[in-house]
Amino acid sequence: MDIFDIFGEYSYFGIFLVLLGVNASPILMPPSWIVLTSFYLLDPNLNIFFLAIVGATGATIGRYFLKRISGLFRKFVGEEQKSNLDIIGDYLNRKKYGYLIASFLFGATPLPSNMLFIAYGLMRAKSIGIYLGFWVGRVISYIIMIYFGNAVLRPFLEIFEDRLTGILLIDGVGIGVLVIFASINWTVLITKKKIKFVKPKIWRF
């Protein structure tokens, strides 16, 4: 509550800073829609559409920083996984709206987008579609989540009465998705339409 009180005093700018910080962190952060919805429930005078735009902008900039930071750790990735990530990167580059669609799906749904941008960083992905798709998806999902705040937020918090447990569970799912993503043999999947896994060794320590 202290965080909401402190940053809530700065209205939309304070909310923007919170969303930026939450999305720049790779783990141990609550889903950003919960943060944004909580701000609205504390101050219903906020405009839902403008709040969604401010939140989506802060979230997108935060994910940009997360992607850049993640790219610094590429040198620690195993060669097989590095080559594998480059293959899916090249595939998405060849698709006109590949990155835009992928980012939109993660932005518009409850999927853990932190691991998506970590993967983008490891892939050294470069496309404006990454951010445009994510921003549009976030605006849409935030409007829906904020509008149905009480109906959506309260049952979620009841399921995860221990907030830390809920956050750790969500991060665990995201890490699992990243490991599976990096372990898929994308050459075989793209060329032969068959699922095959490579040795799940992501880091070469």
N, C-alpha and C. Protein backbone atom coordinates (compact mmCIF):
# COMPACT_ATOMS: atom_id res chain seq x y z
N MET A 1 0.82 -1.21 0.00
CA MET A 1 0.00 0.00 0.00
C MET A 1 0.85 1.25 0.00
N ASP A 2 2.01 1.24 0.67
CA ASP A 2 2.89 2.41 0.71
C ASP A 2 3.32 2.81 -0.69
N ILE A 3 3.64 1.82 -1.52
CA ILE A 3 4.07 2.10 -2.88
C ILE A 3 2.95 2.77 -3.66
N PHE A 4 1.73 2.24 -3.52
CA PHE A 4 0.59 2.83 -4.22
C PHE A 4 0.33 4.25 -3.73
N ASP A 5 0.48 4.48 -2.43
CA ASP A 5 0.25 5.81 -1.88
C ASP A 5 1.31 6.80 -2.37
N ILE A 6 2.57 6.36 -2.35
CA ILE A 6 3.67 7.25 -2.74
C ILE A 6 3.57 7.63 -4.21
N PHE A 7 3.47 6.62 -5.09
CA PHE A 7 3.46 6.91 -6.51
C PHE A 7 2.10 7.42 -6.98
N GLY A 8 1.04 7.05 -6.24
CA GLY A 8 -0.29 7.53 -6.60
C GLY A 8 -0.41 9.04 -6.49
N GLU A 9 0.42 9.65 -5.63
CA GLU A 9 0.40 11.09 -5.48
C GLU A 9 0.83 11.81 -6.76
N TYR A 10 1.60 11.14 -7.59
CA TYR A 10 2.07 11.74 -8.83
C TYR A 10 1.17 11.39 -10.01
N SER A 11 -0.01 10.82 -9.69
CA SER A 11 -1.02 10.51 -10.69
C SER A 11 -0.45 9.62 -11.80
N TYR A 12 -0.73 9.98 -13.06
CA TYR A 12 -0.35 9.12 -14.18
C TYR A 12 1.16 8.95 -14.31
N PHE A 13 1.92 10.00 -13.99
CA PHE A 13 3.38 9.90 -14.11
C PHE A 13 3.94 8.89 -13.10
N GLY A 14 3.40 8.90 -11.89
CA GLY A 14 3.83 7.94 -10.89
C GLY A 14 3.49 6.53 -11.30
N ILE A 15 2.30 6.33 -11.86
CA ILE A 15 1.87 5.01 -12.34
C ILE A 15 2.78 4.55 -13.48
N PHE A 16 3.14 5.47 -14.35
CA PHE A 16 4.05 5.16 -15.46
C PHE A 16 5.38 4.64 -14.93
N LEU A 17 5.92 5.29 -13.91
CA LEU A 17 7.21 4.88 -13.34
C LEU A 17 7.12 3.49 -12.72
N VAL A 18 6.01 3.21 -12.02
CA VAL A 18 5.84 1.89 -11.40
C VAL A 18 5.78 0.80 -12.46
N LEU A 19 5.00 1.03 -13.51
CA LEU A 19 4.87 0.04 -14.59
C LEU A 19 6.20 -0.17 -15.31
N LEU A 20 6.96 0.91 -15.47
CA LEU A 20 8.27 0.79 -16.11
C LEU A 20 9.19 -0.09 -15.26
N GLY A 21 9.22 0.16 -13.96
CA GLY A 21 10.08 -0.62 -13.08
C GLY A 21 9.68 -2.08 -12.99
N VAL A 22 8.37 -2.34 -12.89
CA VAL A 22 7.88 -3.71 -12.80
C VAL A 22 8.25 -4.51 -14.05
N ASN A 23 8.15 -3.88 -15.22
CA ASN A 23 8.41 -4.59 -16.47
C ASN A 23 9.88 -4.65 -16.84
N ALA A 24 10.72 -3.84 -16.21
CA ALA A 24 12.15 -3.91 -16.48
C ALA A 24 12.80 -5.02 -15.67
N SER A 25 12.10 -5.51 -14.65
CA SER A 25 12.63 -6.58 -13.81
C SER A 25 12.29 -7.94 -14.39
N PRO A 26 13.25 -8.88 -14.42
CA PRO A 26 12.99 -10.20 -15.02
C PRO A 26 12.11 -11.10 -14.17
N ILE A 27 12.22 -11.03 -12.84
CA ILE A 27 11.48 -11.92 -11.95
C ILE A 27 11.05 -11.20 -10.68
N LEU A 28 10.25 -11.90 -9.88
CA LEU A 28 9.81 -11.44 -8.56
C LEU A 28 9.01 -10.14 -8.62
N MET A 29 8.22 -10.00 -9.67
CA MET A 29 7.33 -8.85 -9.79
C MET A 29 5.91 -9.36 -10.08
N PRO A 30 4.90 -8.72 -9.51
CA PRO A 30 3.51 -9.13 -9.78
C PRO A 30 3.14 -8.80 -11.21
N PRO A 31 2.15 -9.49 -11.77
CA PRO A 31 1.68 -9.13 -13.11
C PRO A 31 1.29 -7.66 -13.16
N SER A 32 1.68 -6.98 -14.23
CA SER A 32 1.47 -5.53 -14.29
C SER A 32 0.00 -5.15 -14.32
N TRP A 33 -0.87 -6.03 -14.79
CA TRP A 33 -2.30 -5.69 -14.82
C TRP A 33 -2.86 -5.60 -13.40
N ILE A 34 -2.28 -6.38 -12.48
CA ILE A 34 -2.71 -6.30 -11.09
C ILE A 34 -2.32 -4.94 -10.50
N VAL A 35 -1.11 -4.49 -10.82
CA VAL A 35 -0.64 -3.20 -10.32
C VAL A 35 -1.52 -2.07 -10.87
N LEU A 36 -1.78 -2.11 -12.17
CA LEU A 36 -2.56 -1.05 -12.81
C LEU A 36 -4.00 -1.04 -12.29
N THR A 37 -4.59 -2.23 -12.17
CA THR A 37 -5.96 -2.33 -11.66
C THR A 37 -6.05 -1.84 -10.23
N SER A 38 -5.03 -2.13 -9.43
CA SER A 38 -5.01 -1.69 -8.04
C SER A 38 -5.00 -0.17 -7.94
N PHE A 39 -4.23 0.49 -8.82
CA PHE A 39 -4.21 1.95 -8.84
C PHE A 39 -5.60 2.50 -9.14
N TYR A 40 -6.28 1.85 -10.08
CA TYR A 40 -7.62 2.34 -10.45
C TYR A 40 -8.63 2.12 -9.33
N LEU A 41 -8.54 0.99 -8.66
CA LEU A 41 -9.47 0.72 -7.57
C LEU A 41 -9.26 1.70 -6.41
N LEU A 42 -8.02 2.16 -6.24
CA LEU A 42 -7.73 3.14 -5.19
C LEU A 42 -8.19 4.55 -5.60
N ASP A 43 -8.22 4.80 -6.91
CA ASP A 43 -8.65 6.12 -7.40
C ASP A 43 -9.52 5.94 -8.65
N PRO A 44 -10.81 5.68 -8.48
CA PRO A 44 -11.72 5.46 -9.60
C PRO A 44 -11.90 6.68 -10.51
N ASN A 45 -11.38 7.84 -10.10
CA ASN A 45 -11.48 9.03 -10.93
C ASN A 45 -10.52 9.00 -12.11
N LEU A 46 -9.58 8.08 -12.10
CA LEU A 46 -8.64 7.95 -13.21
C LEU A 46 -9.39 7.52 -14.47
N ASN A 47 -8.98 8.07 -15.60
CA ASN A 47 -9.60 7.70 -16.87
C ASN A 47 -9.06 6.34 -17.32
N ILE A 48 -9.97 5.38 -17.53
CA ILE A 48 -9.56 4.01 -17.85
C ILE A 48 -8.72 3.95 -19.11
N PHE A 49 -9.14 4.62 -20.16
CA PHE A 49 -8.43 4.52 -21.44
C PHE A 49 -7.05 5.19 -21.36
N PHE A 50 -6.99 6.36 -20.75
CA PHE A 50 -5.70 7.03 -20.61
C PHE A 50 -4.78 6.26 -19.68
N LEU A 51 -5.36 5.67 -18.63
CA LEU A 51 -4.59 4.85 -17.69
C LEU A 51 -3.99 3.64 -18.41
N ALA A 52 -4.78 3.02 -19.29
CA ALA A 52 -4.30 1.85 -20.05
C ALA A 52 -3.16 2.24 -20.99
N ILE A 53 -3.28 3.42 -21.61
CA ILE A 53 -2.24 3.90 -22.52
C ILE A 53 -0.96 4.21 -21.75
N VAL A 54 -1.09 4.88 -20.62
CA VAL A 54 0.07 5.20 -19.78
C VAL A 54 0.73 3.91 -19.29
N GLY A 55 -0.09 2.97 -18.82
CA GLY A 55 0.45 1.70 -18.33
C GLY A 55 1.13 0.90 -19.42
N ALA A 56 0.52 0.85 -20.61
CA ALA A 56 1.10 0.10 -21.73
C ALA A 56 2.42 0.73 -22.18
N THR A 57 2.49 2.06 -22.15
CA THR A 57 3.72 2.75 -22.54
C THR A 57 4.84 2.46 -21.54
N GLY A 58 4.52 2.54 -20.25
CA GLY A 58 5.52 2.22 -19.23
C GLY A 58 5.96 0.77 -19.32
N ALA A 59 5.00 -0.16 -19.55
CA ALA A 59 5.31 -1.58 -19.66
C ALA A 59 6.20 -1.86 -20.86
N THR A 60 5.91 -1.22 -21.98
CA THR A 60 6.69 -1.45 -23.20
C THR A 60 8.12 -0.94 -23.06
N ILE A 61 8.28 0.24 -22.48
CA ILE A 61 9.63 0.78 -22.26
C ILE A 61 10.39 -0.11 -21.28
N GLY A 62 9.69 -0.58 -20.24
CA GLY A 62 10.32 -1.49 -19.28
C GLY A 62 10.79 -2.77 -19.94
N ARG A 63 9.96 -3.32 -20.82
CA ARG A 63 10.35 -4.55 -21.53
C ARG A 63 11.51 -4.29 -22.49
N TYR A 64 11.59 -3.09 -23.02
CA TYR A 64 12.73 -2.72 -23.88
C TYR A 64 14.03 -2.83 -23.08
N PHE A 65 14.03 -2.27 -21.87
CA PHE A 65 15.23 -2.34 -21.03
C PHE A 65 15.53 -3.79 -20.63
N LEU A 66 14.49 -4.58 -20.34
CA LEU A 66 14.69 -5.99 -20.00
C LEU A 66 15.33 -6.73 -21.17
N LYS A 67 14.87 -6.46 -22.38
CA LYS A 67 15.43 -7.09 -23.58
C LYS A 67 16.90 -6.71 -23.76
N ARG A 68 17.23 -5.45 -23.57
CA ARG A 68 18.62 -5.00 -23.73
C ARG A 68 19.52 -5.64 -22.67
N ILE A 69 19.05 -5.69 -21.44
CA ILE A 69 19.85 -6.30 -20.37
C ILE A 69 20.04 -7.79 -20.63
N SER A 70 18.98 -8.47 -21.08
CA SER A 70 19.06 -9.91 -21.34
C SER A 70 20.06 -10.21 -22.44
N GLY A 71 20.18 -9.31 -23.42
CA GLY A 71 21.12 -9.52 -24.52
C GLY A 71 22.57 -9.59 -24.05
N LEU A 72 22.87 -8.98 -22.90
CA LEU A 72 24.23 -9.00 -22.37
C LEU A 72 24.64 -10.39 -21.88
N PHE A 73 23.65 -11.25 -21.62
CA PHE A 73 23.92 -12.59 -21.10
C PHE A 73 23.98 -13.64 -22.21
N ARG A 74 23.92 -13.22 -23.45
CA ARG A 74 23.96 -14.16 -24.57
C ARG A 74 25.25 -14.97 -24.58
N LYS A 75 26.35 -14.34 -24.14
CA LYS A 75 27.64 -15.03 -24.16
C LYS A 75 27.68 -16.22 -23.21
N PHE A 76 26.74 -16.28 -22.27
CA PHE A 76 26.70 -17.40 -21.33
C PHE A 76 25.79 -18.54 -21.81
N VAL A 77 25.12 -18.34 -22.94
CA VAL A 77 24.20 -19.35 -23.45
C VAL A 77 24.99 -20.43 -24.20
N GLY A 78 24.59 -21.70 -24.01
CA GLY A 78 25.25 -22.80 -24.71
C GLY A 78 25.18 -22.62 -26.22
N GLU A 79 26.18 -23.09 -26.94
CA GLU A 79 26.26 -22.88 -28.38
C GLU A 79 25.07 -23.49 -29.12
N GLU A 80 24.63 -24.67 -28.68
CA GLU A 80 23.52 -25.32 -29.36
C GLU A 80 22.23 -24.53 -29.19
N GLN A 81 22.00 -24.04 -27.96
CA GLN A 81 20.81 -23.24 -27.72
C GLN A 81 20.91 -21.88 -28.41
N LYS A 82 22.13 -21.34 -28.47
CA LYS A 82 22.34 -20.05 -29.14
C LYS A 82 22.00 -20.18 -30.63
N SER A 83 22.48 -21.24 -31.26
CA SER A 83 22.18 -21.49 -32.66
C SER A 83 20.69 -21.72 -32.87
N ASN A 84 20.09 -22.42 -31.92
CA ASN A 84 18.67 -22.73 -31.98
C ASN A 84 17.83 -21.45 -31.91
N LEU A 85 18.20 -20.54 -31.01
CA LEU A 85 17.48 -19.27 -30.88
C LEU A 85 17.65 -18.41 -32.13
N ASP A 86 18.83 -18.48 -32.75
CA ASP A 86 19.07 -17.71 -33.97
C ASP A 86 18.18 -18.20 -35.11
N ILE A 87 17.90 -19.50 -35.12
CA ILE A 87 17.06 -20.07 -36.18
C ILE A 87 15.64 -19.54 -36.09
N ILE A 88 15.07 -19.54 -34.88
CA ILE A 88 13.71 -19.01 -34.73
C ILE A 88 13.71 -17.51 -34.96
N GLY A 89 14.81 -16.83 -34.61
CA GLY A 89 14.91 -15.40 -34.88
C GLY A 89 14.89 -15.11 -36.37
N ASP A 90 15.66 -15.89 -37.13
CA ASP A 90 15.70 -15.72 -38.58
C ASP A 90 14.34 -16.02 -39.20
N TYR A 91 13.66 -17.02 -38.63
CA TYR A 91 12.33 -17.39 -39.14
C TYR A 91 11.34 -16.25 -38.94
N LEU A 92 11.35 -15.64 -37.75
CA LEU A 92 10.44 -14.53 -37.48
C LEU A 92 10.80 -13.31 -38.32
N ASN A 93 12.08 -13.12 -38.59
CA ASN A 93 12.51 -12.00 -39.43
C ASN A 93 11.98 -12.13 -40.85
N ARG A 94 11.87 -13.37 -41.32
CA ARG A 94 11.38 -13.60 -42.68
C ARG A 94 9.87 -13.40 -42.79
N LYS A 95 9.18 -13.52 -41.67
CA LYS A 95 7.74 -13.30 -41.66
C LYS A 95 7.46 -11.81 -41.47
N LYS A 96 6.64 -11.24 -42.34
CA LYS A 96 6.41 -9.80 -42.33
C LYS A 96 5.91 -9.30 -40.98
N TYR A 97 5.00 -10.06 -40.38
CA TYR A 97 4.43 -9.64 -39.10
C TYR A 97 4.74 -10.64 -37.98
N GLY A 98 5.84 -11.36 -38.12
CA GLY A 98 6.19 -12.39 -37.15
C GLY A 98 6.33 -11.87 -35.73
N TYR A 99 7.21 -10.91 -35.54
CA TYR A 99 7.45 -10.36 -34.21
C TYR A 99 6.22 -9.61 -33.70
N LEU A 100 5.54 -8.89 -34.59
CA LEU A 100 4.38 -8.11 -34.18
C LEU A 100 3.29 -9.02 -33.63
N ILE A 101 3.00 -10.13 -34.33
CA ILE A 101 1.95 -11.05 -33.89
C ILE A 101 2.34 -11.74 -32.60
N ALA A 102 3.60 -12.20 -32.50
CA ALA A 102 4.06 -12.88 -31.29
C ALA A 102 3.96 -11.97 -30.08
N SER A 103 4.41 -10.73 -30.22
CA SER A 103 4.38 -9.79 -29.11
C SER A 103 2.95 -9.39 -28.75
N PHE A 104 2.10 -9.26 -29.76
CA PHE A 104 0.70 -8.92 -29.51
C PHE A 104 0.01 -10.01 -28.69
N LEU A 105 0.26 -11.26 -29.04
CA LEU A 105 -0.37 -12.38 -28.32
C LEU A 105 0.05 -12.39 -26.85
N PHE A 106 1.31 -12.12 -26.58
CA PHE A 106 1.78 -12.08 -25.20
C PHE A 106 1.28 -10.83 -24.48
N GLY A 107 1.14 -9.73 -25.22
CA GLY A 107 0.68 -8.51 -24.61
C GLY A 107 -0.81 -8.52 -24.30
N ALA A 108 -1.59 -9.21 -25.12
CA ALA A 108 -3.04 -9.19 -24.98
C ALA A 108 -3.57 -10.34 -24.11
N THR A 109 -2.70 -11.23 -23.68
CA THR A 109 -3.12 -12.38 -22.89
C THR A 109 -2.33 -12.43 -21.57
N PRO A 110 -2.74 -13.29 -20.64
CA PRO A 110 -2.02 -13.39 -19.35
C PRO A 110 -0.68 -14.13 -19.44
N LEU A 111 -0.21 -14.47 -20.64
CA LEU A 111 1.06 -15.18 -20.77
C LEU A 111 2.20 -14.35 -20.17
N PRO A 112 3.17 -15.00 -19.50
CA PRO A 112 4.29 -14.26 -18.86
C PRO A 112 5.23 -13.66 -19.90
N SER A 113 5.09 -12.37 -20.16
CA SER A 113 5.86 -11.73 -21.23
C SER A 113 7.31 -11.45 -20.84
N ASN A 114 7.64 -11.53 -19.53
CA ASN A 114 9.03 -11.27 -19.14
C ASN A 114 9.97 -12.26 -19.81
N MET A 115 9.59 -13.54 -19.84
CA MET A 115 10.45 -14.54 -20.46
C MET A 115 10.49 -14.40 -21.98
N LEU A 116 9.42 -13.86 -22.57
CA LEU A 116 9.43 -13.61 -24.01
C LEU A 116 10.51 -12.60 -24.36
N PHE A 117 10.60 -11.52 -23.57
CA PHE A 117 11.57 -10.46 -23.87
C PHE A 117 12.99 -10.88 -23.49
N ILE A 118 13.11 -11.77 -22.52
CA ILE A 118 14.42 -12.34 -22.23
C ILE A 118 14.88 -13.17 -23.43
N ALA A 119 13.96 -13.94 -24.00
CA ALA A 119 14.28 -14.71 -25.21
C ALA A 119 14.62 -13.80 -26.37
N TYR A 120 13.87 -12.71 -26.52
CA TYR A 120 14.18 -11.73 -27.57
C TYR A 120 15.59 -11.19 -27.39
N GLY A 121 15.96 -10.91 -26.14
CA GLY A 121 17.30 -10.39 -25.88
C GLY A 121 18.37 -11.39 -26.23
N LEU A 122 18.15 -12.65 -25.86
CA LEU A 122 19.13 -13.69 -26.17
C LEU A 122 19.22 -13.93 -27.67
N MET A 123 18.11 -13.68 -28.37
CA MET A 123 18.08 -13.86 -29.83
C MET A 123 18.65 -12.64 -30.56
N ARG A 124 18.85 -11.55 -29.82
CA ARG A 124 19.25 -10.27 -30.40
C ARG A 124 18.25 -9.82 -31.45
N ALA A 125 16.97 -10.00 -31.14
CA ALA A 125 15.90 -9.64 -32.06
C ALA A 125 15.83 -8.13 -32.23
N LYS A 126 15.64 -7.70 -33.46
CA LYS A 126 15.54 -6.27 -33.76
C LYS A 126 14.37 -6.05 -34.72
N SER A 127 13.29 -5.49 -34.17
CA SER A 127 12.12 -5.20 -34.99
C SER A 127 11.21 -4.26 -34.23
N ILE A 128 10.71 -3.23 -34.88
CA ILE A 128 9.77 -2.31 -34.25
C ILE A 128 8.48 -3.03 -33.90
N GLY A 129 8.22 -4.14 -34.65
CA GLY A 129 7.01 -4.91 -34.40
C GLY A 129 6.98 -5.52 -33.01
N ILE A 130 8.15 -5.77 -32.43
CA ILE A 130 8.25 -6.31 -31.07
C ILE A 130 7.52 -5.39 -30.09
N TYR A 131 7.78 -4.11 -30.20
CA TYR A 131 7.25 -3.14 -29.26
C TYR A 131 5.85 -2.67 -29.65
N LEU A 132 5.60 -2.54 -30.94
CA LEU A 132 4.28 -2.09 -31.40
C LEU A 132 3.22 -3.13 -31.05
N GLY A 133 3.51 -4.41 -31.35
CA GLY A 133 2.56 -5.47 -31.06
C GLY A 133 2.29 -5.60 -29.58
N PHE A 134 3.35 -5.49 -28.78
CA PHE A 134 3.21 -5.61 -27.32
C PHE A 134 2.40 -4.44 -26.77
N TRP A 135 2.69 -3.23 -27.26
CA TRP A 135 1.98 -2.04 -26.76
C TRP A 135 0.49 -2.12 -27.05
N VAL A 136 0.13 -2.47 -28.28
CA VAL A 136 -1.28 -2.57 -28.65
C VAL A 136 -1.97 -3.66 -27.83
N GLY A 137 -1.30 -4.81 -27.68
CA GLY A 137 -1.86 -5.89 -26.89
C GLY A 137 -2.07 -5.49 -25.44
N ARG A 138 -1.12 -4.76 -24.88
CA ARG A 138 -1.22 -4.32 -23.49
C ARG A 138 -2.36 -3.30 -23.32
N VAL A 139 -2.51 -2.37 -24.24
CA VAL A 139 -3.59 -1.40 -24.13
C VAL A 139 -4.94 -2.11 -24.07
N ILE A 140 -5.13 -3.07 -24.96
CA ILE A 140 -6.40 -3.81 -25.01
C ILE A 140 -6.62 -4.59 -23.72
N SER A 141 -5.60 -5.34 -23.29
CA SER A 141 -5.76 -6.17 -22.10
C SER A 141 -5.92 -5.32 -20.84
N TYR A 142 -5.22 -4.19 -20.75
CA TYR A 142 -5.34 -3.32 -19.59
C TYR A 142 -6.74 -2.72 -19.48
N ILE A 143 -7.29 -2.28 -20.60
CA ILE A 143 -8.64 -1.71 -20.59
C ILE A 143 -9.64 -2.74 -20.05
N ILE A 144 -9.52 -3.97 -20.53
CA ILE A 144 -10.43 -5.03 -20.09
C ILE A 144 -10.25 -5.33 -18.61
N MET A 145 -8.98 -5.48 -18.18
CA MET A 145 -8.69 -5.82 -16.79
C MET A 145 -9.12 -4.70 -15.83
N ILE A 146 -8.86 -3.45 -16.22
CA ILE A 146 -9.23 -2.33 -15.36
C ILE A 146 -10.75 -2.20 -15.27
N TYR A 147 -11.42 -2.34 -16.41
CA TYR A 147 -12.87 -2.18 -16.45
C TYR A 147 -13.57 -3.23 -15.58
N PHE A 148 -13.03 -4.45 -15.61
CA PHE A 148 -13.62 -5.52 -14.80
C PHE A 148 -12.77 -5.79 -13.56
N GLY A 149 -12.18 -4.72 -13.02
CA GLY A 149 -11.23 -4.83 -11.92
C GLY A 149 -11.67 -5.68 -10.76
N ASN A 150 -12.80 -5.36 -10.17
CA ASN A 150 -13.27 -6.09 -9.00
C ASN A 150 -13.54 -7.56 -9.32
N ALA A 151 -14.15 -7.79 -10.47
CA ALA A 151 -14.53 -9.16 -10.84
C ALA A 151 -13.31 -10.02 -11.14
N VAL A 152 -12.24 -9.40 -11.66
CA VAL A 152 -11.05 -10.16 -12.06
C VAL A 152 -10.00 -10.22 -10.96
N LEU A 153 -9.76 -9.08 -10.30
CA LEU A 153 -8.65 -8.99 -9.35
C LEU A 153 -8.91 -9.75 -8.05
N ARG A 154 -10.07 -9.58 -7.47
CA ARG A 154 -10.33 -10.19 -6.17
C ARG A 154 -10.26 -11.71 -6.18
N PRO A 155 -10.89 -12.41 -7.14
CA PRO A 155 -10.75 -13.88 -7.17
C PRO A 155 -9.30 -14.32 -7.35
N PHE A 156 -8.53 -13.55 -8.13
CA PHE A 156 -7.13 -13.89 -8.35
C PHE A 156 -6.35 -13.80 -7.05
N LEU A 157 -6.58 -12.73 -6.29
CA LEU A 157 -5.87 -12.55 -5.02
C LEU A 157 -6.30 -13.57 -3.98
N GLU A 158 -7.55 -14.03 -4.07
CA GLU A 158 -8.02 -15.06 -3.15
C GLU A 158 -7.34 -16.39 -3.42
N ILE A 159 -7.12 -16.68 -4.70
CA ILE A 159 -6.43 -17.92 -5.06
C ILE A 159 -5.00 -17.90 -4.54
N PHE A 160 -4.34 -16.75 -4.68
CA PHE A 160 -2.97 -16.58 -4.21
C PHE A 160 -2.97 -15.66 -3.00
N GLU A 161 -3.52 -16.15 -1.90
CA GLU A 161 -3.59 -15.34 -0.69
C GLU A 161 -2.20 -14.93 -0.24
N ASP A 162 -1.23 -15.84 -0.40
CA ASP A 162 0.16 -15.50 -0.15
C ASP A 162 0.72 -14.90 -1.44
N ARG A 163 0.88 -13.59 -1.49
CA ARG A 163 1.28 -12.90 -2.73
C ARG A 163 2.61 -13.42 -3.27
N LEU A 164 3.58 -13.67 -2.36
CA LEU A 164 4.90 -14.13 -2.82
C LEU A 164 4.78 -15.48 -3.50
N THR A 165 3.95 -16.36 -2.95
CA THR A 165 3.75 -17.67 -3.56
C THR A 165 3.20 -17.54 -4.97
N GLY A 166 2.24 -16.64 -5.14
CA GLY A 166 1.66 -16.42 -6.46
C GLY A 166 2.69 -15.90 -7.45
N ILE A 167 3.51 -14.94 -7.01
CA ILE A 167 4.54 -14.37 -7.88
C ILE A 167 5.56 -15.42 -8.27
N LEU A 168 6.00 -16.22 -7.29
CA LEU A 168 6.99 -17.27 -7.56
C LEU A 168 6.42 -18.32 -8.51
N LEU A 169 5.13 -18.64 -8.37
CA LEU A 169 4.51 -19.63 -9.25
C LEU A 169 4.46 -19.11 -10.67
N ILE A 170 4.07 -17.84 -10.83
CA ILE A 170 4.02 -17.25 -12.17
C ILE A 170 5.41 -17.19 -12.80
N ASP A 171 6.42 -16.80 -12.01
CA ASP A 171 7.80 -16.76 -12.52
C ASP A 171 8.28 -18.16 -12.89
N GLY A 172 7.90 -19.15 -12.07
CA GLY A 172 8.30 -20.53 -12.35
C GLY A 172 7.73 -21.02 -13.68
N VAL A 173 6.48 -20.66 -13.93
CA VAL A 173 5.85 -21.03 -15.21
C VAL A 173 6.59 -20.35 -16.36
N GLY A 174 6.92 -19.07 -16.18
CA GLY A 174 7.63 -18.33 -17.23
C GLY A 174 8.99 -18.92 -17.52
N ILE A 175 9.74 -19.29 -16.48
CA ILE A 175 11.06 -19.91 -16.66
C ILE A 175 10.93 -21.25 -17.37
N GLY A 176 9.91 -22.01 -16.99
CA GLY A 176 9.67 -23.30 -17.64
C GLY A 176 9.39 -23.15 -19.12
N VAL A 177 8.59 -22.12 -19.44
CA VAL A 177 8.28 -21.85 -20.85
C VAL A 177 9.54 -21.48 -21.62
N LEU A 178 10.42 -20.67 -21.00
CA LEU A 178 11.66 -20.27 -21.66
C LEU A 178 12.56 -21.48 -21.91
N VAL A 179 12.67 -22.38 -20.92
CA VAL A 179 13.51 -23.58 -21.08
C VAL A 179 12.98 -24.45 -22.21
N ILE A 180 11.66 -24.65 -22.25
CA ILE A 180 11.07 -25.45 -23.31
C ILE A 180 11.29 -24.79 -24.66
N PHE A 181 11.10 -23.46 -24.71
CA PHE A 181 11.28 -22.71 -25.95
C PHE A 181 12.69 -22.87 -26.49
N ALA A 182 13.68 -22.77 -25.59
CA ALA A 182 15.08 -22.86 -26.00
C ALA A 182 15.50 -24.29 -26.32
N SER A 183 14.74 -25.28 -25.86
CA SER A 183 15.11 -26.67 -26.06
C SER A 183 14.47 -27.30 -27.29
N ILE A 184 13.54 -26.59 -27.92
CA ILE A 184 12.92 -27.10 -29.14
C ILE A 184 13.90 -26.98 -30.30
N ASN A 185 14.01 -28.03 -31.09
CA ASN A 185 14.84 -27.99 -32.30
C ASN A 185 14.02 -27.27 -33.37
N TRP A 186 14.27 -25.98 -33.52
CA TRP A 186 13.44 -25.19 -34.41
C TRP A 186 13.69 -25.50 -35.88
N THR A 187 14.87 -25.99 -36.21
CA THR A 187 15.15 -26.37 -37.60
C THR A 187 14.23 -27.50 -38.04
N VAL A 188 14.13 -28.51 -37.18
CA VAL A 188 13.26 -29.65 -37.49
C VAL A 188 11.80 -29.23 -37.50
N LEU A 189 11.40 -28.39 -36.54
CA LEU A 189 10.00 -27.96 -36.46
C LEU A 189 9.60 -27.12 -37.67
N ILE A 190 10.48 -26.21 -38.09
CA ILE A 190 10.15 -25.32 -39.20
C ILE A 190 10.18 -26.04 -40.54
N THR A 191 11.19 -26.90 -40.74
CA THR A 191 11.35 -27.56 -42.04
C THR A 191 10.53 -28.84 -42.18
N LYS A 192 10.43 -29.63 -41.09
CA LYS A 192 9.75 -30.92 -41.17
C LYS A 192 8.44 -30.97 -40.41
N LYS A 193 8.09 -29.86 -39.74
CA LYS A 193 6.85 -29.78 -38.97
C LYS A 193 6.76 -30.88 -37.91
N LYS A 194 7.91 -31.21 -37.32
CA LYS A 194 7.97 -32.20 -36.26
C LYS A 194 8.63 -31.60 -35.02
N ILE A 195 8.13 -32.00 -33.86
CA ILE A 195 8.70 -31.48 -32.62
C ILE A 195 9.83 -32.39 -32.14
N LYS A 196 11.00 -31.80 -31.98
CA LYS A 196 12.16 -32.53 -31.47
C LYS A 196 12.90 -31.61 -30.52
N PHE A 197 13.41 -32.17 -29.44
CA PHE A 197 14.09 -31.36 -28.44
C PHE A 197 15.59 -31.61 -28.46
N VAL A 198 16.33 -30.54 -28.18
CA VAL A 198 17.77 -30.65 -28.03
C VAL A 198 18.07 -30.70 -26.54
N LYS A 199 19.31 -31.00 -26.20
CA LYS A 199 19.69 -31.11 -24.80
C LYS A 199 19.38 -29.81 -24.07
N PRO A 200 18.55 -29.87 -23.01
CA PRO A 200 18.12 -28.64 -22.32
C PRO A 200 19.20 -28.03 -21.43
N LYS A 201 20.31 -27.64 -22.04
CA LYS A 201 21.38 -26.97 -21.30
C LYS A 201 21.47 -25.55 -21.83
N ILE A 202 20.87 -24.61 -21.09
CA ILE A 202 20.80 -23.24 -21.57
C ILE A 202 22.09 -22.48 -21.30
N TRP A 203 22.60 -22.58 -20.05
CA TRP A 203 23.78 -21.82 -19.69
C TRP A 203 25.02 -22.70 -19.73
N ARG A 204 26.10 -22.18 -20.25
CA ARG A 204 27.34 -22.95 -20.38
C ARG A 204 28.34 -22.59 -19.29
N PHE A 205 27.90 -22.71 -18.04
CA PHE A 205 28.83 -22.49 -16.91
C PHE A 205 29.60 -23.78 -16.67
